[in-house]
Amino acid sequence: MTALLASGSYVLFGLPLHPLLVHAAVILTPLTALAVALTALWPAARRRLGLATPIAAALVAILVPVTVLVGLDLAAKVGSTPAIQRHEALGLMLIPWSIALLLAAVAVHLRERITTRIRRPSVAAAVSATIAVVAVACAIGVTVVVVLTGEAGARAVWGGIA
């Protein structure tokens, strides 16, 4: 019925798995980045979303490398072009960004626990602000890289659009 590893390729229902996973990554990554930024900057969002944000970030940190892995397998089968090589390079850059997003999401989730243990209020405020800035930077970075990667992938598949 469903062969995930059919004769060495990653397929699902006879379709290459990479384009199927890409859609999940393209939706979940920016949404998670938005949640991380919101929870970093807005305490009400942090209380409301709770563990959902770090869990979503963990899913992204798993989904992105798996998508890259099956993409590299697909590229090996269809052949390499400069457009595919650019898409691959950007996809590989997305892996550390997705890990950074996960670490930022966890830091934001634990921020109050971390800062309440710091005795000096000025240091606690500086740590809290640093966590927020880093989290927002990670959210922006991962979003930019996922957009660039997706755009490069679309160009690799559909060609340059003038």
C-alpha atoms as a PDB file:
ATOM      1  CA  MET A   1       0.000   0.000   0.000  1.00  0.00           C
ATOM      2  CA  THR A   2       2.334   2.761   1.229  1.00  0.00           C
ATOM      3  CA  ALA A   3       6.022   2.286   0.714  1.00  0.00           C
ATOM      4  CA  LEU A   4       8.187   4.809   2.481  1.00  0.00           C
ATOM      5  CA  LEU A   5      11.409   3.204   1.362  1.00  0.00           C
ATOM      6  CA  ALA A   6      10.530   1.706  -1.990  1.00  0.00           C
ATOM      7  CA  SER A   7      13.730   0.601  -3.728  1.00  0.00           C
ATOM      8  CA  GLY A   8      15.841   3.205  -1.940  1.00  0.00           C
ATOM      9  CA  SER A   9      13.620   6.221  -2.604  1.00  0.00           C
ATOM     10  CA  TYR A  10      11.394   8.110  -0.268  1.00  0.00           C
ATOM     11  CA  VAL A  11       7.882   7.893  -1.665  1.00  0.00           C
ATOM     12  CA  LEU A  12       4.349   7.975  -0.329  1.00  0.00           C
ATOM     13  CA  PHE A  13       1.499   6.630  -2.438  1.00  0.00           C
ATOM     14  CA  GLY A  14       3.900   6.590  -5.372  1.00  0.00           C
ATOM     15  CA  LEU A  15       4.767  10.294  -5.005  1.00  0.00           C
ATOM     16  CA  PRO A  16       8.161  11.655  -3.958  1.00  0.00           C
ATOM     17  CA  LEU A  17       7.957  12.480  -0.269  1.00  0.00           C
ATOM     18  CA  HIS A  18       9.914  15.744  -0.531  1.00  0.00           C
ATOM     19  CA  PRO A  19       7.204  17.888  -2.178  1.00  0.00           C
ATOM     20  CA  LEU A  20       4.646  16.520   0.280  1.00  0.00           C
ATOM     21  CA  LEU A  21       6.778  17.342   3.334  1.00  0.00           C
ATOM     22  CA  VAL A  22       7.725  20.736   1.911  1.00  0.00           C
ATOM     23  CA  HIS A  23       4.135  21.905   2.197  1.00  0.00           C
ATOM     24  CA  ALA A  24       4.073  21.023   5.888  1.00  0.00           C
ATOM     25  CA  ALA A  25       7.411  22.762   6.494  1.00  0.00           C
ATOM     26  CA  VAL A  26       6.408  25.874   4.559  1.00  0.00           C
ATOM     27  CA  ILE A  27       3.259  26.273   6.659  1.00  0.00           C
ATOM     28  CA  LEU A  28       4.443  25.101  10.083  1.00  0.00           C
ATOM     29  CA  THR A  29       7.801  26.902  10.159  1.00  0.00           C
ATOM     30  CA  PRO A  30       6.570  30.503   9.724  1.00  0.00           C
ATOM     31  CA  LEU A  31       3.545  29.878  11.958  1.00  0.00           C
ATOM     32  CA  THR A  32       5.823  28.550  14.684  1.00  0.00           C
ATOM     33  CA  ALA A  33       8.206  31.471  14.174  1.00  0.00           C
ATOM     34  CA  LEU A  34       5.277  33.854  14.598  1.00  0.00           C
ATOM     35  CA  ALA A  35       4.234  32.060  17.795  1.00  0.00           C
ATOM     36  CA  VAL A  36       7.787  32.243  19.158  1.00  0.00           C
ATOM     37  CA  ALA A  37       7.989  35.984  18.437  1.00  0.00           C
ATOM     38  CA  LEU A  38       4.553  36.624  19.957  1.00  0.00           C
ATOM     39  CA  THR A  39       5.312  34.660  23.095  1.00  0.00           C
ATOM     40  CA  ALA A  40       8.666  36.394  23.423  1.00  0.00           C
ATOM     41  CA  LEU A  41       7.082  39.846  23.280  1.00  0.00           C
ATOM     42  CA  TRP A  42       3.592  39.374  24.714  1.00  0.00           C
ATOM     43  CA  PRO A  43       3.137  37.688  28.120  1.00  0.00           C
ATOM     44  CA  ALA A  44      -0.567  37.003  27.481  1.00  0.00           C
ATOM     45  CA  ALA A  45       0.343  35.018  24.361  1.00  0.00           C
ATOM     46  CA  ARG A  46       2.987  33.126  26.328  1.00  0.00           C
ATOM     47  CA  ARG A  47       0.429  32.156  28.979  1.00  0.00           C
ATOM     48  CA  ARG A  48      -2.194  31.251  26.410  1.00  0.00           C
ATOM     49  CA  LEU A  49       0.034  29.182  24.124  1.00  0.00           C
ATOM     50  CA  GLY A  50       1.979  27.484  26.915  1.00  0.00           C
ATOM     51  CA  LEU A  51       3.774  24.379  25.741  1.00  0.00           C
ATOM     52  CA  ALA A  52       2.255  24.548  22.247  1.00  0.00           C
ATOM     53  CA  THR A  53       5.028  26.813  20.987  1.00  0.00           C
ATOM     54  CA  PRO A  54       8.007  24.683  22.099  1.00  0.00           C
ATOM     55  CA  ILE A  55       6.205  21.555  20.875  1.00  0.00           C
ATOM     56  CA  ALA A  56       5.588  23.142  17.469  1.00  0.00           C
ATOM     57  CA  ALA A  57       9.237  24.241  17.370  1.00  0.00           C
ATOM     58  CA  ALA A  58      10.311  20.660  18.141  1.00  0.00           C
ATOM     59  CA  LEU A  59       8.153  19.412  15.260  1.00  0.00           C
ATOM     60  CA  VAL A  60       9.785  21.972  12.962  1.00  0.00           C
ATOM     61  CA  ALA A  61      13.256  20.934  14.178  1.00  0.00           C
ATOM     62  CA  ILE A  62      12.390  17.338  13.202  1.00  0.00           C
ATOM     63  CA  LEU A  63      10.459  18.111  10.023  1.00  0.00           C
ATOM     64  CA  VAL A  64      13.096  20.344   8.426  1.00  0.00           C
ATOM     65  CA  PRO A  65      16.005  17.843   8.477  1.00  0.00           C
ATOM     66  CA  VAL A  66      13.726  15.035   7.310  1.00  0.00           C
ATOM     67  CA  THR A  67      12.506  17.223   4.443  1.00  0.00           C
ATOM     68  CA  VAL A  68      16.099  18.090   3.548  1.00  0.00           C
ATOM     69  CA  LEU A  69      17.106  14.414   3.669  1.00  0.00           C
ATOM     70  CA  VAL A  70      14.368  13.296   1.302  1.00  0.00           C
ATOM     71  CA  GLY A  71      15.058  16.348  -0.877  1.00  0.00           C
ATOM     72  CA  LEU A  72      18.709  15.367  -1.234  1.00  0.00           C
ATOM     73  CA  ASP A  73      17.567  11.869  -2.200  1.00  0.00           C
ATOM     74  CA  LEU A  74      15.172  13.300  -4.797  1.00  0.00           C
ATOM     75  CA  ALA A  75      17.882  15.589  -6.207  1.00  0.00           C
ATOM     76  CA  ALA A  76      20.209  12.603  -6.595  1.00  0.00           C
ATOM     77  CA  LYS A  77      17.527  10.862  -8.658  1.00  0.00           C
ATOM     78  CA  VAL A  78      16.457  13.755 -10.888  1.00  0.00           C
ATOM     79  CA  GLY A  79      19.923  15.226 -11.379  1.00  0.00           C
ATOM     80  CA  SER A  80      21.503  18.436 -10.254  1.00  0.00           C
ATOM     81  CA  THR A  81      21.176  21.844 -11.849  1.00  0.00           C
ATOM     82  CA  PRO A  82      22.384  25.229 -10.571  1.00  0.00           C
ATOM     83  CA  ALA A  83      18.803  25.994  -9.462  1.00  0.00           C
ATOM     84  CA  ILE A  84      18.579  22.729  -7.527  1.00  0.00           C
ATOM     85  CA  GLN A  85      22.010  23.335  -5.983  1.00  0.00           C
ATOM     86  CA  ARG A  86      20.863  26.774  -4.767  1.00  0.00           C
ATOM     87  CA  HIS A  87      17.698  25.226  -3.326  1.00  0.00           C
ATOM     88  CA  GLU A  88      19.781  22.518  -1.595  1.00  0.00           C
ATOM     89  CA  ALA A  89      22.182  25.055  -0.105  1.00  0.00           C
ATOM     90  CA  LEU A  90      19.338  27.130   1.296  1.00  0.00           C
ATOM     91  CA  GLY A  91      17.570  24.015   2.580  1.00  0.00           C
ATOM     92  CA  LEU A  92      20.711  22.975   4.431  1.00  0.00           C
ATOM     93  CA  MET A  93      20.882  26.469   5.987  1.00  0.00           C
ATOM     94  CA  LEU A  94      17.365  25.930   7.312  1.00  0.00           C
ATOM     95  CA  ILE A  95      18.484  23.086   9.596  1.00  0.00           C
ATOM     96  CA  PRO A  96      20.499  25.220  12.066  1.00  0.00           C
ATOM     97  CA  TRP A  97      17.827  27.937  11.926  1.00  0.00           C
ATOM     98  CA  SER A  98      15.138  25.418  12.889  1.00  0.00           C
ATOM     99  CA  ILE A  99      17.278  24.210  15.796  1.00  0.00           C
ATOM    100  CA  ALA A 100      17.848  27.820  16.884  1.00  0.00           C
ATOM    101  CA  LEU A 101      14.082  28.388  16.754  1.00  0.00           C
ATOM    102  CA  LEU A 102      13.553  25.379  19.030  1.00  0.00           C
ATOM    103  CA  LEU A 103      16.132  26.626  21.530  1.00  0.00           C
ATOM    104  CA  ALA A 104      14.570  30.095  21.454  1.00  0.00           C
ATOM    105  CA  ALA A 105      11.085  28.651  21.995  1.00  0.00           C
ATOM    106  CA  VAL A 106      12.302  26.675  25.006  1.00  0.00           C
ATOM    107  CA  ALA A 107      14.133  29.718  26.415  1.00  0.00           C
ATOM    108  CA  VAL A 108      11.013  31.871  26.031  1.00  0.00           C
ATOM    109  CA  HIS A 109       8.895  29.192  27.683  1.00  0.00           C
ATOM    110  CA  LEU A 110      11.312  28.978  30.619  1.00  0.00           C
ATOM    111  CA  ARG A 111      12.098  32.713  30.768  1.00  0.00           C
ATOM    112  CA  GLU A 112      10.121  33.462  33.919  1.00  0.00           C
ATOM    113  CA  ARG A 113      11.622  30.486  35.744  1.00  0.00           C
ATOM    114  CA  ILE A 114      15.096  31.569  34.684  1.00  0.00           C
ATOM    115  CA  THR A 115      14.711  35.227  35.591  1.00  0.00           C
ATOM    116  CA  THR A 116      13.013  34.656  38.958  1.00  0.00           C
ATOM    117  CA  ARG A 117      16.133  32.804  40.133  1.00  0.00           C
ATOM    118  CA  ILE A 118      18.336  35.810  39.408  1.00  0.00           C
ATOM    119  CA  ARG A 119      18.641  37.963  42.541  1.00  0.00           C
ATOM    120  CA  ARG A 120      19.538  41.258  40.902  1.00  0.00           C
ATOM    121  CA  PRO A 121      16.512  42.811  39.122  1.00  0.00           C
ATOM    122  CA  SER A 122      18.668  44.632  36.568  1.00  0.00           C
ATOM    123  CA  VAL A 123      20.390  41.388  35.562  1.00  0.00           C
ATOM    124  CA  ALA A 124      17.055  39.554  35.422  1.00  0.00           C
ATOM    125  CA  ALA A 125      15.634  42.273  33.172  1.00  0.00           C
ATOM    126  CA  ALA A 126      18.698  42.105  30.917  1.00  0.00           C
ATOM    127  CA  VAL A 127      18.426  38.312  30.642  1.00  0.00           C
ATOM    128  CA  SER A 128      14.708  38.559  29.896  1.00  0.00           C
ATOM    129  CA  ALA A 129      15.294  41.184  27.206  1.00  0.00           C
ATOM    130  CA  THR A 130      18.123  39.149  25.679  1.00  0.00           C
ATOM    131  CA  ILE A 131      15.914  36.070  25.453  1.00  0.00           C
ATOM    132  CA  ALA A 132      13.204  38.114  23.729  1.00  0.00           C
ATOM    133  CA  VAL A 133      15.625  39.706  21.244  1.00  0.00           C
ATOM    134  CA  VAL A 134      17.256  36.378  20.392  1.00  0.00           C
ATOM    135  CA  ALA A 135      13.855  34.696  20.001  1.00  0.00           C
ATOM    136  CA  VAL A 136      12.588  37.406  17.639  1.00  0.00           C
ATOM    137  CA  ALA A 137      15.859  37.275  15.666  1.00  0.00           C
ATOM    138  CA  CYS A 138      15.520  33.481  15.320  1.00  0.00           C
ATOM    139  CA  ALA A 139      11.895  33.840  14.230  1.00  0.00           C
ATOM    140  CA  ILE A 140      12.823  36.390  11.575  1.00  0.00           C
ATOM    141  CA  GLY A 141      15.869  34.402  10.446  1.00  0.00           C
ATOM    142  CA  VAL A 142      14.059  31.091  10.040  1.00  0.00           C
ATOM    143  CA  THR A 143      11.195  32.797   8.197  1.00  0.00           C
ATOM    144  CA  VAL A 144      13.541  34.535   5.762  1.00  0.00           C
ATOM    145  CA  VAL A 145      15.456  31.321   5.067  1.00  0.00           C
ATOM    146  CA  VAL A 146      12.282  29.241   4.586  1.00  0.00           C
ATOM    147  CA  VAL A 147      10.913  31.830   2.132  1.00  0.00           C
ATOM    148  CA  LEU A 148      14.197  31.954   0.205  1.00  0.00           C
ATOM    149  CA  THR A 149      14.410  28.157   0.172  1.00  0.00           C
ATOM    150  CA  GLY A 150      10.838  27.806  -1.047  1.00  0.00           C
ATOM    151  CA  GLU A 151      11.326  30.444  -3.721  1.00  0.00           C
ATOM    152  CA  ALA A 152      14.506  28.716  -4.929  1.00  0.00           C
ATOM    153  CA  GLY A 153      12.696  25.369  -4.958  1.00  0.00           C
ATOM    154  CA  ALA A 154       9.813  26.809  -6.977  1.00  0.00           C
ATOM    155  CA  ARG A 155      12.283  28.275  -9.474  1.00  0.00           C
ATOM    156  CA  ALA A 156      14.096  24.923  -9.674  1.00  0.00           C
ATOM    157  CA  VAL A 157      10.822  23.164 -10.485  1.00  0.00           C
ATOM    158  CA  TRP A 158       8.948  25.757 -12.507  1.00  0.00           C
ATOM    159  CA  GLY A 159      11.855  27.729 -13.968  1.00  0.00           C
ATOM    160  CA  GLY A 160      12.566  31.415 -13.841  1.00  0.00           C
ATOM    161  CA  ILE A 161       9.547  33.642 -14.054  1.00  0.00           C
ATOM    162  CA  ALA A 162      10.366  36.921 -15.753  1.00  0.00           C
END
